[in-house]
Amino acid sequence: MTMMRFFAAARAAVGQDETPVDAATLDEALRGVAAADPERWTALQERCSYLVDGVTTRDRSTTLVGVGTVDVMPPFAGG
């Protein structure tokens, strides 16, 4: 089981700080998130970067096998 944590606009779209996911890939995990605002969440995913156990990626085919944490990082001012 992987813990997916949401920050800034991702947190607002999903409606929670974190959720456990049971998925083989990042794409599968993202598609499985039950968002409070599904339309906003879907649009936002393309602009996010992801920290998979601390390693930055945008590759949604990244495996989550053995991964403890995925941080969903939307773009934000200043960086």
PDB file of N, CA and C in Angstrom:
ATOM      1  N   MET A   1       0.852  -1.179   0.000  1.00  0.00           N
ATOM      2  CA  MET A   1       0.000   0.000   0.000  1.00  0.00           C
ATOM      3  C   MET A   1       0.895   1.239   0.000  1.00  0.00           C
ATOM      4  N   THR A   2       0.547   2.199  -0.834  1.00  0.00           N
ATOM      5  CA  THR A   2       1.280   3.460  -0.969  1.00  0.00           C
ATOM      6  C   THR A   2       0.421   4.592  -0.436  1.00  0.00           C
ATOM      7  N   MET A   3       1.036   5.528   0.296  1.00  0.00           N
ATOM      8  CA  MET A   3       0.320   6.708   0.767  1.00  0.00           C
ATOM      9  C   MET A   3       0.528   7.824  -0.253  1.00  0.00           C
ATOM     10  N   MET A   4      -0.573   8.358  -0.792  1.00  0.00           N
ATOM     11  CA  MET A   4      -0.512   9.465  -1.729  1.00  0.00           C
ATOM     12  C   MET A   4      -0.891  10.735  -0.971  1.00  0.00           C
ATOM     13  N   ARG A   5       0.022  11.728  -1.006  1.00  0.00           N
ATOM     14  CA  ARG A   5      -0.201  12.988  -0.289  1.00  0.00           C
ATOM     15  C   ARG A   5      -0.391  14.114  -1.294  1.00  0.00           C
ATOM     16  N   PHE A   6      -1.333  15.001  -0.999  1.00  0.00           N
ATOM     17  CA  PHE A   6      -1.715  16.075  -1.919  1.00  0.00           C
ATOM     18  C   PHE A   6      -1.363  17.429  -1.317  1.00  0.00           C
ATOM     19  N   PHE A   7      -0.857  18.333  -2.172  1.00  0.00           N
ATOM     20  CA  PHE A   7      -0.440  19.649  -1.728  1.00  0.00           C
ATOM     21  C   PHE A   7      -1.120  20.732  -2.550  1.00  0.00           C
ATOM     22  N   ALA A   8      -1.351  21.875  -1.920  1.00  0.00           N
ATOM     23  CA  ALA A   8      -1.877  23.082  -2.555  1.00  0.00           C
ATOM     24  C   ALA A   8      -3.138  22.798  -3.381  1.00  0.00           C
ATOM     25  N   ALA A   9      -3.128  23.132  -4.679  1.00  0.00           N
ATOM     26  CA  ALA A   9      -4.316  22.975  -5.530  1.00  0.00           C
ATOM     27  C   ALA A   9      -4.758  21.512  -5.642  1.00  0.00           C
ATOM     28  N   ALA A  10      -3.815  20.584  -5.547  1.00  0.00           N
ATOM     29  CA  ALA A  10      -4.187  19.164  -5.589  1.00  0.00           C
ATOM     30  C   ALA A  10      -5.011  18.808  -4.361  1.00  0.00           C
ATOM     31  N   ARG A  11      -4.620  19.322  -3.203  1.00  0.00           N
ATOM     32  CA  ARG A  11      -5.376  19.078  -1.977  1.00  0.00           C
ATOM     33  C   ARG A  11      -6.795  19.640  -2.119  1.00  0.00           C
ATOM     34  N   ALA A  12      -6.907  20.821  -2.690  1.00  0.00           N
ATOM     35  CA  ALA A  12      -8.226  21.443  -2.872  1.00  0.00           C
ATOM     36  C   ALA A  12      -9.097  20.630  -3.825  1.00  0.00           C
ATOM     37  N   ALA A  13      -8.523  20.140  -4.914  1.00  0.00           N
ATOM     38  CA  ALA A  13      -9.294  19.376  -5.896  1.00  0.00           C
ATOM     39  C   ALA A  13      -9.728  18.021  -5.352  1.00  0.00           C
ATOM     40  N   VAL A  14      -8.837  17.378  -4.605  1.00  0.00           N
ATOM     41  CA  VAL A  14      -9.140  16.047  -4.078  1.00  0.00           C
ATOM     42  C   VAL A  14     -10.020  16.134  -2.832  1.00  0.00           C
ATOM     43  N   GLY A  15      -9.784  17.155  -2.013  1.00  0.00           N
ATOM     44  CA  GLY A  15     -10.595  17.336  -0.817  1.00  0.00           C
ATOM     45  C   GLY A  15     -10.041  16.637   0.415  1.00  0.00           C
ATOM     46  N   GLN A  16      -8.779  16.209   0.351  1.00  0.00           N
ATOM     47  CA  GLN A  16      -8.144  15.593   1.512  1.00  0.00           C
ATOM     48  C   GLN A  16      -6.627  15.743   1.406  1.00  0.00           C
ATOM     49  N   ASP A  17      -5.948  15.572   2.524  1.00  0.00           N
ATOM     50  CA  ASP A  17      -4.492  15.712   2.568  1.00  0.00           C
ATOM     51  C   ASP A  17      -3.775  14.489   2.016  1.00  0.00           C
ATOM     52  N   GLU A  18      -4.335  13.307   2.254  1.00  0.00           N
ATOM     53  CA  GLU A  18      -3.683  12.077   1.825  1.00  0.00           C
ATOM     54  C   GLU A  18      -4.688  10.939   1.758  1.00  0.00           C
ATOM     55  N   THR A  19      -4.299   9.919   0.994  1.00  0.00           N
ATOM     56  CA  THR A  19      -5.131   8.725   0.883  1.00  0.00           C
ATOM     57  C   THR A  19      -4.244   7.530   0.550  1.00  0.00           C
ATOM     58  N   PRO A  20      -4.541   6.368   1.097  1.00  0.00           N
ATOM     59  CA  PRO A  20      -3.791   5.179   0.709  1.00  0.00           C
ATOM     60  C   PRO A  20      -4.270   4.697  -0.662  1.00  0.00           C
ATOM     61  N   VAL A  21      -3.329   4.214  -1.479  1.00  0.00           N
ATOM     62  CA  VAL A  21      -3.675   3.671  -2.788  1.00  0.00           C
ATOM     63  C   VAL A  21      -3.025   2.304  -2.946  1.00  0.00           C
ATOM     64  N   ASP A  22      -3.700   1.454  -3.662  1.00  0.00           N
ATOM     65  CA  ASP A  22      -3.180   0.128  -3.964  1.00  0.00           C
ATOM     66  C   ASP A  22      -3.174   0.027  -5.481  1.00  0.00           C
ATOM     67  N   ALA A  23      -2.051   0.418  -6.092  1.00  0.00           N
ATOM     68  CA  ALA A  23      -1.957   0.471  -7.544  1.00  0.00           C
ATOM     69  C   ALA A  23      -0.558   0.063  -7.977  1.00  0.00           C
ATOM     70  N   ALA A  24      -0.453  -0.456  -9.185  1.00  0.00           N
ATOM     71  CA  ALA A  24       0.839  -0.900  -9.712  1.00  0.00           C
ATOM     72  C   ALA A  24       1.654   0.243 -10.309  1.00  0.00           C
ATOM     73  N   THR A  25       0.949   1.275 -10.840  1.00  0.00           N
ATOM     74  CA  THR A  25       1.638   2.406 -11.464  1.00  0.00           C
ATOM     75  C   THR A  25       1.082   3.729 -10.950  1.00  0.00           C
ATOM     76  N   LEU A  26       1.832   4.780 -11.187  1.00  0.00           N
ATOM     77  CA  LEU A  26       1.380   6.114 -10.804  1.00  0.00           C
ATOM     78  C   LEU A  26       0.087   6.465 -11.531  1.00  0.00           C
ATOM     79  N   ASP A  27      -0.005   6.157 -12.811  1.00  0.00           N
ATOM     80  CA  ASP A  27      -1.214   6.453 -13.573  1.00  0.00           C
ATOM     81  C   ASP A  27      -2.437   5.759 -12.979  1.00  0.00           C
ATOM     82  N   GLU A  28      -2.282   4.507 -12.653  1.00  0.00           N
ATOM     83  CA  GLU A  28      -3.389   3.749 -12.060  1.00  0.00           C
ATOM     84  C   GLU A  28      -3.814   4.370 -10.733  1.00  0.00           C
ATOM     85  N   ALA A  29      -2.850   4.783  -9.935  1.00  0.00           N
ATOM     86  CA  ALA A  29      -3.153   5.413  -8.647  1.00  0.00           C
ATOM     87  C   ALA A  29      -3.889   6.737  -8.837  1.00  0.00           C
ATOM     88  N   LEU A  30      -3.422   7.556  -9.766  1.00  0.00           N
ATOM     89  CA  LEU A  30      -4.051   8.851 -10.007  1.00  0.00           C
ATOM     90  C   LEU A  30      -5.482   8.694 -10.505  1.00  0.00           C
ATOM     91  N   ARG A  31      -5.698   7.730 -11.391  1.00  0.00           N
ATOM     92  CA  ARG A  31      -7.056   7.496 -11.910  1.00  0.00           C
ATOM     93  C   ARG A  31      -7.987   6.966 -10.837  1.00  0.00           C
ATOM     94  N   GLY A  32      -7.433   6.341  -9.809  1.00  0.00           N
ATOM     95  CA  GLY A  32      -8.248   5.757  -8.747  1.00  0.00           C
ATOM     96  C   GLY A  32      -8.608   6.693  -7.613  1.00  0.00           C
ATOM     97  N   VAL A  33      -8.079   7.915  -7.635  1.00  0.00           N
ATOM     98  CA  VAL A  33      -8.377   8.869  -6.567  1.00  0.00           C
ATOM     99  C   VAL A  33      -9.812   9.374  -6.708  1.00  0.00           C
ATOM    100  N   ALA A  34     -10.573   9.267  -5.640  1.00  0.00           N
ATOM    101  CA  ALA A  34     -11.947   9.789  -5.612  1.00  0.00           C
ATOM    102  C   ALA A  34     -11.888  11.255  -5.186  1.00  0.00           C
ATOM    103  N   ALA A  35     -11.914  12.153  -6.162  1.00  0.00           N
ATOM    104  CA  ALA A  35     -11.739  13.585  -5.909  1.00  0.00           C
ATOM    105  C   ALA A  35     -13.054  14.279  -5.599  1.00  0.00           C
ATOM    106  N   ALA A  36     -12.966  15.306  -4.768  1.00  0.00           N
ATOM    107  CA  ALA A  36     -14.129  16.137  -4.463  1.00  0.00           C
ATOM    108  C   ALA A  36     -14.563  16.928  -5.695  1.00  0.00           C
ATOM    109  N   ASP A  37     -13.597  17.312  -6.532  1.00  0.00           N
ATOM    110  CA  ASP A  37     -13.857  18.051  -7.768  1.00  0.00           C
ATOM    111  C   ASP A  37     -13.165  17.301  -8.917  1.00  0.00           C
ATOM    112  N   PRO A  38     -13.822  16.261  -9.446  1.00  0.00           N
ATOM    113  CA  PRO A  38     -13.191  15.395 -10.454  1.00  0.00           C
ATOM    114  C   PRO A  38     -12.693  16.128 -11.695  1.00  0.00           C
ATOM    115  N   GLU A  39     -13.423  17.098 -12.181  1.00  0.00           N
ATOM    116  CA  GLU A  39     -13.010  17.827 -13.382  1.00  0.00           C
ATOM    117  C   GLU A  39     -11.718  18.601 -13.122  1.00  0.00           C
ATOM    118  N   ARG A  40     -11.660  19.282 -12.017  1.00  0.00           N
ATOM    119  CA  ARG A  40     -10.450  20.033 -11.651  1.00  0.00           C
ATOM    120  C   ARG A  40      -9.271  19.086 -11.422  1.00  0.00           C
ATOM    121  N   TRP A  41      -9.520  17.970 -10.752  1.00  0.00           N
ATOM    122  CA  TRP A  41      -8.476  16.995 -10.469  1.00  0.00           C
ATOM    123  C   TRP A  41      -7.898  16.429 -11.768  1.00  0.00           C
ATOM    124  N   THR A  42      -8.741  16.076 -12.713  1.00  0.00           N
ATOM    125  CA  THR A  42      -8.282  15.532 -13.990  1.00  0.00           C
ATOM    126  C   THR A  42      -7.421  16.545 -14.734  1.00  0.00           C
ATOM    127  N   ALA A  43      -7.850  17.793 -14.803  1.00  0.00           N
ATOM    128  CA  ALA A  43      -7.089  18.836 -15.499  1.00  0.00           C
ATOM    129  C   ALA A  43      -5.759  19.116 -14.800  1.00  0.00           C
ATOM    130  N   LEU A  44      -5.751  19.085 -13.503  1.00  0.00           N
ATOM    131  CA  LEU A  44      -4.566  19.411 -12.724  1.00  0.00           C
ATOM    132  C   LEU A  44      -3.464  18.358 -12.850  1.00  0.00           C
ATOM    133  N   GLN A  45      -3.822  17.112 -13.009  1.00  0.00           N
ATOM    134  CA  GLN A  45      -2.833  16.031 -13.052  1.00  0.00           C
ATOM    135  C   GLN A  45      -1.767  16.230 -14.120  1.00  0.00           C
ATOM    136  N   GLU A  46      -2.127  16.809 -15.244  1.00  0.00           N
ATOM    137  CA  GLU A  46      -1.172  17.013 -16.338  1.00  0.00           C
ATOM    138  C   GLU A  46      -0.119  18.064 -16.004  1.00  0.00           C
ATOM    139  N   ARG A  47      -0.401  18.933 -15.058  1.00  0.00           N
ATOM    140  CA  ARG A  47       0.533  20.007 -14.698  1.00  0.00           C
ATOM    141  C   ARG A  47       1.366  19.673 -13.468  1.00  0.00           C
ATOM    142  N   CYS A  48       1.038  18.598 -12.794  1.00  0.00           N
ATOM    143  CA  CYS A  48       1.728  18.245 -11.556  1.00  0.00           C
ATOM    144  C   CYS A  48       3.051  17.534 -11.817  1.00  0.00           C
ATOM    145  N   SER A  49       3.922  17.648 -10.822  1.00  0.00           N
ATOM    146  CA  SER A  49       5.069  16.748 -10.756  1.00  0.00           C
ATOM    147  C   SER A  49       4.820  15.851  -9.551  1.00  0.00           C
ATOM    148  N   TYR A  50       5.505  14.731  -9.522  1.00  0.00           N
ATOM    149  CA  TYR A  50       5.251  13.731  -8.493  1.00  0.00           C
ATOM    150  C   TYR A  50       6.572  13.324  -7.851  1.00  0.00           C
ATOM    151  N   LEU A  51       6.577  13.226  -6.539  1.00  0.00           N
ATOM    152  CA  LEU A  51       7.730  12.723  -5.809  1.00  0.00           C
ATOM    153  C   LEU A  51       7.399  11.300  -5.388  1.00  0.00           C
ATOM    154  N   VAL A  52       8.098  10.356  -5.957  1.00  0.00           N
ATOM    155  CA  VAL A  52       7.875   8.945  -5.670  1.00  0.00           C
ATOM    156  C   VAL A  52       9.004   8.503  -4.744  1.00  0.00           C
ATOM    157  N   ASP A  53       8.680   8.354  -3.469  1.00  0.00           N
ATOM    158  CA  ASP A  53       9.698   8.110  -2.441  1.00  0.00           C
ATOM    159  C   ASP A  53      10.853   9.097  -2.572  1.00  0.00           C
ATOM    160  N   GLY A  54      10.500  10.374  -2.798  1.00  0.00           N
ATOM    161  CA  GLY A  54      11.486  11.455  -2.831  1.00  0.00           C
ATOM    162  C   GLY A  54      12.139  11.715  -4.171  1.00  0.00           C
ATOM    163  N   VAL A  55      11.810  10.932  -5.193  1.00  0.00           N
ATOM    164  CA  VAL A  55      12.405  11.108  -6.521  1.00  0.00           C
ATOM    165  C   VAL A  55      11.362  11.739  -7.453  1.00  0.00           C
ATOM    166  N   THR A  56      11.708  12.880  -8.053  1.00  0.00           N
ATOM    167  CA  THR A  56      10.781  13.596  -8.922  1.00  0.00           C
ATOM    168  C   THR A  56      10.558  12.861 -10.231  1.00  0.00           C
ATOM    169  N   THR A  57       9.296  12.813 -10.655  1.00  0.00           N
ATOM    170  CA  THR A  57       8.958  12.232 -11.958  1.00  0.00           C
ATOM    171  C   THR A  57       7.693  12.888 -12.495  1.00  0.00           C
ATOM    172  N   ARG A  58       7.541  12.818 -13.785  1.00  0.00           N
ATOM    173  CA  ARG A  58       6.294  13.165 -14.462  1.00  0.00           C
ATOM    174  C   ARG A  58       5.808  11.976 -15.283  1.00  0.00           C
ATOM    175  N   ASP A  59       6.567  10.889 -15.230  1.00  0.00           N
ATOM    176  CA  ASP A  59       6.263   9.675 -15.978  1.00  0.00           C
ATOM    177  C   ASP A  59       5.199   8.879 -15.246  1.00  0.00           C
ATOM    178  N   ARG A  60       4.004   8.892 -15.791  1.00  0.00           N
ATOM    179  CA  ARG A  60       2.877   8.248 -15.119  1.00  0.00           C
ATOM    180  C   ARG A  60       2.933   6.723 -15.195  1.00  0.00           C
ATOM    181  N   SER A  61       3.865   6.179 -15.969  1.00  0.00           N
ATOM    182  CA  SER A  61       4.021   4.730 -15.992  1.00  0.00           C
ATOM    183  C   SER A  61       4.976   4.242 -14.890  1.00  0.00           C
ATOM    184  N   THR A  62       5.447   5.147 -14.052  1.00  0.00           N
ATOM    185  CA  THR A  62       6.347   4.799 -12.953  1.00  0.00           C
ATOM    186  C   THR A  62       5.691   3.755 -12.054  1.00  0.00           C
ATOM    187  N   THR A  63       6.432   2.711 -11.732  1.00  0.00           N
ATOM    188  CA  THR A  63       5.897   1.659 -10.871  1.00  0.00           C
ATOM    189  C   THR A  63       5.773   2.142  -9.426  1.00  0.00           C
ATOM    190  N   LEU A  64       4.762   1.659  -8.759  1.00  0.00           N
ATOM    191  CA  LEU A  64       4.583   1.948  -7.341  1.00  0.00           C
ATOM    192  C   LEU A  64       4.826   0.717  -6.477  1.00  0.00           C
ATOM    193  N   VAL A  65       5.307  -0.358  -7.085  1.00  0.00           N
ATOM    194  CA  VAL A  65       5.608  -1.574  -6.337  1.00  0.00           C
ATOM    195  C   VAL A  65       6.726  -1.264  -5.342  1.00  0.00           C
ATOM    196  N   GLY A  66       6.449  -1.461  -4.068  1.00  0.00           N
ATOM    197  CA  GLY A  66       7.420  -1.197  -3.023  1.00  0.00           C
ATOM    198  C   GLY A  66       7.570   0.259  -2.634  1.00  0.00           C
ATOM    199  N   VAL A  67       6.750   1.138  -3.188  1.00  0.00           N
ATOM    200  CA  VAL A  67       6.825   2.575  -2.903  1.00  0.00           C
ATOM    201  C   VAL A  67       5.985   2.901  -1.683  1.00  0.00           C
ATOM    202  N   GLY A  68       6.552   3.690  -0.772  1.00  0.00           N
ATOM    203  CA  GLY A  68       5.842   4.069   0.445  1.00  0.00           C
ATOM    204  C   GLY A  68       5.008   5.319   0.299  1.00  0.00           C
ATOM    205  N   THR A  69       5.539   6.334  -0.430  1.00  0.00           N
ATOM    206  CA  THR A  69       4.870   7.630  -0.490  1.00  0.00           C
ATOM    207  C   THR A  69       4.976   8.246  -1.877  1.00  0.00           C
ATOM    208  N   VAL A  70       3.866   8.825  -2.330  1.00  0.00           N
ATOM    209  CA  VAL A  70       3.849   9.643  -3.532  1.00  0.00           C
ATOM    210  C   VAL A  70       3.303  11.007  -3.124  1.00  0.00           C
ATOM    211  N   ASP A  71       4.086  12.061  -3.401  1.00  0.00           N
ATOM    212  CA  ASP A  71       3.635  13.428  -3.156  1.00  0.00           C
ATOM    213  C   ASP A  71       3.188  14.030  -4.477  1.00  0.00           C
ATOM    214  N   VAL A  72       1.988  14.582  -4.499  1.00  0.00           N
ATOM    215  CA  VAL A  72       1.429  15.221  -5.696  1.00  0.00           C
ATOM    216  C   VAL A  72       1.663  16.718  -5.555  1.00  0.00           C
ATOM    217  N   MET A  73       2.526  17.258  -6.432  1.00  0.00           N
ATOM    218  CA  MET A  73       2.970  18.636  -6.324  1.00  0.00           C
ATOM    219  C   MET A  73       2.527  19.450  -7.544  1.00  0.00           C
ATOM    220  N   PRO A  74       1.469  20.244  -7.399  1.00  0.00           N
ATOM    221  CA  PRO A  74       1.054  21.094  -8.502  1.00  0.00           C
ATOM    222  C   PRO A  74       2.010  22.280  -8.606  1.00  0.00           C
ATOM    223  N   PRO A  75       2.031  22.954  -9.769  1.00  0.00           N
ATOM    224  CA  PRO A  75       2.869  24.142  -9.887  1.00  0.00           C
ATOM    225  C   PRO A  75       2.335  25.220  -8.942  1.00  0.00           C
ATOM    226  N   PHE A  76       3.243  25.988  -8.393  1.00  0.00           N
ATOM    227  CA  PHE A  76       2.830  27.083  -7.519  1.00  0.00           C
ATOM    228  C   PHE A  76       3.783  28.247  -7.689  1.00  0.00           C
ATOM    229  N   ALA A  77       3.382  29.432  -7.274  1.00  0.00           N
ATOM    230  CA  ALA A  77       4.155  30.666  -7.466  1.00  0.00           C
ATOM    231  C   ALA A  77       5.555  30.534  -6.863  1.00  0.00           C
ATOM    232  N   GLY A  78       6.524  31.065  -7.572  1.00  0.00           N
ATOM    233  CA  GLY A  78       7.888  31.106  -7.089  1.00  0.00           C
ATOM    234  C   GLY A  78       8.719  29.899  -7.448  1.00  0.00           C
ATOM    235  N   GLY A  79       8.153  28.926  -8.136  1.00  0.00           N
ATOM    236  CA  GLY A  79       8.977  27.779  -8.449  1.00  0.00           C
ATOM    237  C   GLY A  79       8.353  26.909  -9.414  1.00  0.00           C
TER     238      GLY A  79
END
